[in-house]
Amino acid sequence: MNIPKVAIFDMDGLIFNTERQFFKFESMVHKKYGYPSRIEDFTQTLGLSFASVKEVHKKIFGEDFSTEQIFKETRELVAKDV
C-alpha cells in the first residue's frame, strides 16, 4: 500500500479559486441582511485572522454586523454548492 508522504493544503486559493465562490455566497447573505457587498471590502479581509476580519467588518458595516452569523450562513451555502 502506497501511503502519501506529503499533503498539500490550499489555504490561500492558489490551486483552487475558492475566494470567488465564497464572495458570491457571502454577497447573497449580505443582501439578505441589507448590507452592501463590494469586492473592495472583501479583498481587505483576505489572509486575515478571524479576529482581524471582525475588526475590518466593524469598520465597514458598523458595530451591529455579525461576522459570525454571516460566515456561518455563507459556509452553509458553499457546502451545499460543492
N, C-alpha and C. Protein backbone atom coordinates (compact mmCIF):
# COMPACT_ATOMS: atom_id res chain seq x y z
N MET A 1 0.84 -1.18 0.00
CA MET A 1 0.00 0.00 0.00
C MET A 1 0.89 1.25 0.00
N ASN A 2 0.66 2.14 -0.95
CA ASN A 2 1.41 3.39 -1.01
C ASN A 2 0.75 4.45 -0.14
N ILE A 3 1.45 4.89 0.86
CA ILE A 3 0.95 5.94 1.74
C ILE A 3 1.62 7.24 1.32
N PRO A 4 0.81 8.27 1.05
CA PRO A 4 1.41 9.56 0.65
C PRO A 4 2.34 10.08 1.73
N LYS A 5 3.45 10.67 1.29
CA LYS A 5 4.42 11.25 2.22
C LYS A 5 4.21 12.75 2.38
N VAL A 6 3.42 13.31 1.49
CA VAL A 6 3.21 14.75 1.50
C VAL A 6 1.74 15.04 1.21
N ALA A 7 1.23 16.06 1.87
CA ALA A 7 -0.12 16.54 1.58
C ALA A 7 -0.05 18.04 1.36
N ILE A 8 -0.81 18.53 0.39
CA ILE A 8 -0.84 19.96 0.09
C ILE A 8 -2.17 20.52 0.53
N PHE A 9 -2.12 21.56 1.34
CA PHE A 9 -3.32 22.25 1.78
C PHE A 9 -3.37 23.61 1.09
N ASP A 10 -4.40 23.83 0.34
CA ASP A 10 -4.55 25.07 -0.42
C ASP A 10 -5.33 26.08 0.42
N MET A 11 -4.66 26.73 1.35
CA MET A 11 -5.33 27.64 2.27
C MET A 11 -5.47 29.05 1.71
N ASP A 12 -4.79 29.36 0.64
CA ASP A 12 -4.83 30.73 0.14
C ASP A 12 -5.42 30.86 -1.26
N GLY A 13 -6.02 29.80 -1.76
CA GLY A 13 -6.67 29.90 -3.06
C GLY A 13 -5.73 29.78 -4.25
N LEU A 14 -4.50 29.34 -4.02
CA LEU A 14 -3.54 29.25 -5.10
C LEU A 14 -3.93 28.17 -6.13
N ILE A 15 -4.34 27.01 -5.65
CA ILE A 15 -4.70 25.92 -6.54
C ILE A 15 -6.19 25.99 -6.91
N PHE A 16 -7.03 26.21 -5.93
CA PHE A 16 -8.47 26.32 -6.16
C PHE A 16 -8.91 27.74 -5.82
N ASN A 17 -9.60 28.37 -6.75
CA ASN A 17 -10.03 29.75 -6.54
C ASN A 17 -11.33 29.77 -5.73
N THR A 18 -11.22 29.51 -4.45
CA THR A 18 -12.39 29.45 -3.59
C THR A 18 -12.88 30.83 -3.17
N GLU A 19 -12.01 31.83 -3.29
CA GLU A 19 -12.42 33.18 -2.89
C GLU A 19 -13.60 33.68 -3.72
N ARG A 20 -13.59 33.40 -5.00
CA ARG A 20 -14.69 33.84 -5.88
C ARG A 20 -16.02 33.22 -5.44
N GLN A 21 -15.99 31.94 -5.14
CA GLN A 21 -17.19 31.23 -4.70
C GLN A 21 -17.65 31.78 -3.34
N PHE A 22 -16.72 31.99 -2.42
CA PHE A 22 -17.08 32.50 -1.10
C PHE A 22 -17.67 33.90 -1.23
N PHE A 23 -17.09 34.74 -2.07
CA PHE A 23 -17.61 36.10 -2.25
C PHE A 23 -19.03 36.07 -2.82
N LYS A 24 -19.28 35.19 -3.76
CA LYS A 24 -20.61 35.07 -4.36
C LYS A 24 -21.66 34.76 -3.29
N PHE A 25 -21.38 33.78 -2.46
CA PHE A 25 -22.35 33.39 -1.44
C PHE A 25 -22.40 34.38 -0.29
N GLU A 26 -21.26 34.96 0.06
CA GLU A 26 -21.27 35.98 1.10
C GLU A 26 -22.10 37.18 0.65
N SER A 27 -22.03 37.52 -0.62
CA SER A 27 -22.83 38.62 -1.16
C SER A 27 -24.32 38.34 -1.01
N MET A 28 -24.72 37.10 -1.21
CA MET A 28 -26.12 36.72 -1.05
C MET A 28 -26.56 36.90 0.39
N VAL A 29 -25.71 36.52 1.33
CA VAL A 29 -26.04 36.65 2.75
C VAL A 29 -26.08 38.12 3.15
N HIS A 30 -25.13 38.89 2.65
CA HIS A 30 -25.13 40.33 2.93
C HIS A 30 -26.45 40.95 2.47
N LYS A 31 -26.87 40.60 1.27
CA LYS A 31 -28.11 41.15 0.72
C LYS A 31 -29.30 40.79 1.61
N LYS A 32 -29.32 39.55 2.09
CA LYS A 32 -30.39 39.08 2.97
C LYS A 32 -30.54 39.99 4.19
N TYR A 33 -29.42 40.46 4.73
CA TYR A 33 -29.44 41.29 5.93
C TYR A 33 -29.35 42.79 5.63
N GLY A 34 -29.37 43.14 4.35
CA GLY A 34 -29.38 44.56 3.98
C GLY A 34 -28.02 45.24 3.99
N TYR A 35 -26.95 44.46 3.90
CA TYR A 35 -25.60 45.03 3.86
C TYR A 35 -25.10 45.04 2.42
N PRO A 36 -24.32 46.06 2.06
CA PRO A 36 -23.72 46.07 0.72
C PRO A 36 -22.62 45.01 0.64
N SER A 37 -22.30 44.61 -0.56
CA SER A 37 -21.23 43.64 -0.76
C SER A 37 -20.37 44.11 -1.91
N ARG A 38 -19.21 44.65 -1.54
CA ARG A 38 -18.29 45.16 -2.55
C ARG A 38 -17.00 44.34 -2.53
N ILE A 39 -16.50 44.06 -3.70
CA ILE A 39 -15.27 43.27 -3.81
C ILE A 39 -14.12 43.97 -3.10
N GLU A 40 -14.12 45.30 -3.09
CA GLU A 40 -13.06 46.05 -2.42
C GLU A 40 -13.04 45.76 -0.91
N ASP A 41 -14.22 45.64 -0.32
CA ASP A 41 -14.31 45.32 1.11
C ASP A 41 -13.86 43.88 1.36
N PHE A 42 -14.31 42.98 0.49
CA PHE A 42 -13.98 41.57 0.63
C PHE A 42 -12.47 41.35 0.56
N THR A 43 -11.80 41.99 -0.39
CA THR A 43 -10.36 41.77 -0.56
C THR A 43 -9.54 42.29 0.62
N GLN A 44 -10.10 43.22 1.38
CA GLN A 44 -9.40 43.71 2.57
C GLN A 44 -9.26 42.62 3.64
N THR A 45 -10.12 41.61 3.57
CA THR A 45 -10.12 40.58 4.60
C THR A 45 -9.34 39.32 4.22
N LEU A 46 -8.90 39.22 2.99
CA LEU A 46 -8.20 38.01 2.55
C LEU A 46 -6.89 37.84 3.30
N GLY A 47 -6.69 36.65 3.83
CA GLY A 47 -5.46 36.32 4.53
C GLY A 47 -5.41 36.77 5.98
N LEU A 48 -6.48 37.39 6.47
CA LEU A 48 -6.50 37.86 7.85
C LEU A 48 -7.04 36.81 8.80
N SER A 49 -6.67 36.93 10.06
CA SER A 49 -7.26 36.07 11.09
C SER A 49 -8.72 36.45 11.25
N PHE A 50 -9.49 35.55 11.88
CA PHE A 50 -10.91 35.83 12.08
C PHE A 50 -11.11 37.09 12.92
N ALA A 51 -10.29 37.27 13.95
CA ALA A 51 -10.40 38.46 14.80
C ALA A 51 -10.16 39.73 13.99
N SER A 52 -9.19 39.70 13.09
CA SER A 52 -8.91 40.86 12.24
C SER A 52 -10.03 41.11 11.25
N VAL A 53 -10.61 40.05 10.71
CA VAL A 53 -11.74 40.19 9.79
C VAL A 53 -12.91 40.86 10.51
N LYS A 54 -13.16 40.45 11.75
CA LYS A 54 -14.24 41.07 12.52
C LYS A 54 -14.01 42.56 12.70
N GLU A 55 -12.79 42.96 12.95
CA GLU A 55 -12.46 44.39 13.11
C GLU A 55 -12.69 45.15 11.81
N VAL A 56 -12.27 44.57 10.69
CA VAL A 56 -12.50 45.21 9.39
C VAL A 56 -14.00 45.34 9.14
N HIS A 57 -14.74 44.29 9.41
CA HIS A 57 -16.19 44.32 9.22
C HIS A 57 -16.85 45.39 10.08
N LYS A 58 -16.42 45.52 11.32
CA LYS A 58 -17.00 46.55 12.21
C LYS A 58 -16.77 47.95 11.65
N LYS A 59 -15.58 48.18 11.08
CA LYS A 59 -15.27 49.49 10.50
C LYS A 59 -16.11 49.76 9.25
N ILE A 60 -16.32 48.73 8.45
CA ILE A 60 -17.06 48.90 7.19
C ILE A 60 -18.57 48.93 7.42
N PHE A 61 -19.07 47.98 8.22
CA PHE A 61 -20.51 47.78 8.32
C PHE A 61 -21.13 48.25 9.63
N GLY A 62 -20.30 48.58 10.60
CA GLY A 62 -20.82 49.05 11.88
C GLY A 62 -20.76 47.99 12.97
N GLU A 63 -21.00 48.45 14.19
CA GLU A 63 -20.87 47.59 15.37
C GLU A 63 -21.89 46.44 15.42
N ASP A 64 -23.03 46.60 14.77
CA ASP A 64 -24.07 45.57 14.83
C ASP A 64 -23.83 44.41 13.85
N PHE A 65 -22.85 44.54 12.98
CA PHE A 65 -22.58 43.50 11.99
C PHE A 65 -22.09 42.23 12.68
N SER A 66 -22.71 41.09 12.36
CA SER A 66 -22.33 39.81 12.96
C SER A 66 -21.52 38.98 11.98
N THR A 67 -20.22 39.11 12.07
CA THR A 67 -19.33 38.33 11.21
C THR A 67 -19.58 36.85 11.40
N GLU A 68 -19.81 36.43 12.65
CA GLU A 68 -20.05 35.01 12.93
C GLU A 68 -21.25 34.49 12.16
N GLN A 69 -22.36 35.21 12.19
CA GLN A 69 -23.58 34.78 11.51
C GLN A 69 -23.41 34.79 9.99
N ILE A 70 -22.80 35.85 9.49
CA ILE A 70 -22.57 35.96 8.04
C ILE A 70 -21.71 34.79 7.57
N PHE A 71 -20.61 34.51 8.27
CA PHE A 71 -19.73 33.40 7.89
C PHE A 71 -20.44 32.06 8.00
N LYS A 72 -21.22 31.87 9.05
CA LYS A 72 -21.94 30.61 9.24
C LYS A 72 -22.86 30.34 8.06
N GLU A 73 -23.65 31.33 7.70
CA GLU A 73 -24.59 31.15 6.59
C GLU A 73 -23.87 31.03 5.26
N THR A 74 -22.79 31.75 5.10
CA THR A 74 -22.02 31.67 3.85
C THR A 74 -21.42 30.27 3.70
N ARG A 75 -20.84 29.75 4.77
CA ARG A 75 -20.25 28.39 4.71
C ARG A 75 -21.32 27.34 4.41
N GLU A 76 -22.51 27.51 4.96
CA GLU A 76 -23.60 26.58 4.67
C GLU A 76 -23.96 26.58 3.19
N LEU A 77 -24.02 27.77 2.58
CA LEU A 77 -24.31 27.86 1.15
C LEU A 77 -23.19 27.26 0.31
N VAL A 78 -21.94 27.52 0.70
CA VAL A 78 -20.80 26.96 -0.02
C VAL A 78 -20.85 25.44 0.05
N ALA A 79 -21.14 24.89 1.22
CA ALA A 79 -21.19 23.44 1.39
C ALA A 79 -22.28 22.80 0.53
N LYS A 80 -23.40 23.48 0.38
CA LYS A 80 -24.48 22.96 -0.45
C LYS A 80 -24.11 22.97 -1.93
N ASP A 81 -23.22 23.88 -2.32
CA ASP A 81 -22.85 24.06 -3.72
C ASP A 81 -21.77 23.07 -4.15
N VAL A 82 -21.09 22.44 -3.21
CA VAL A 82 -19.97 21.54 -3.53
C VAL A 82 -20.46 20.28 -4.16
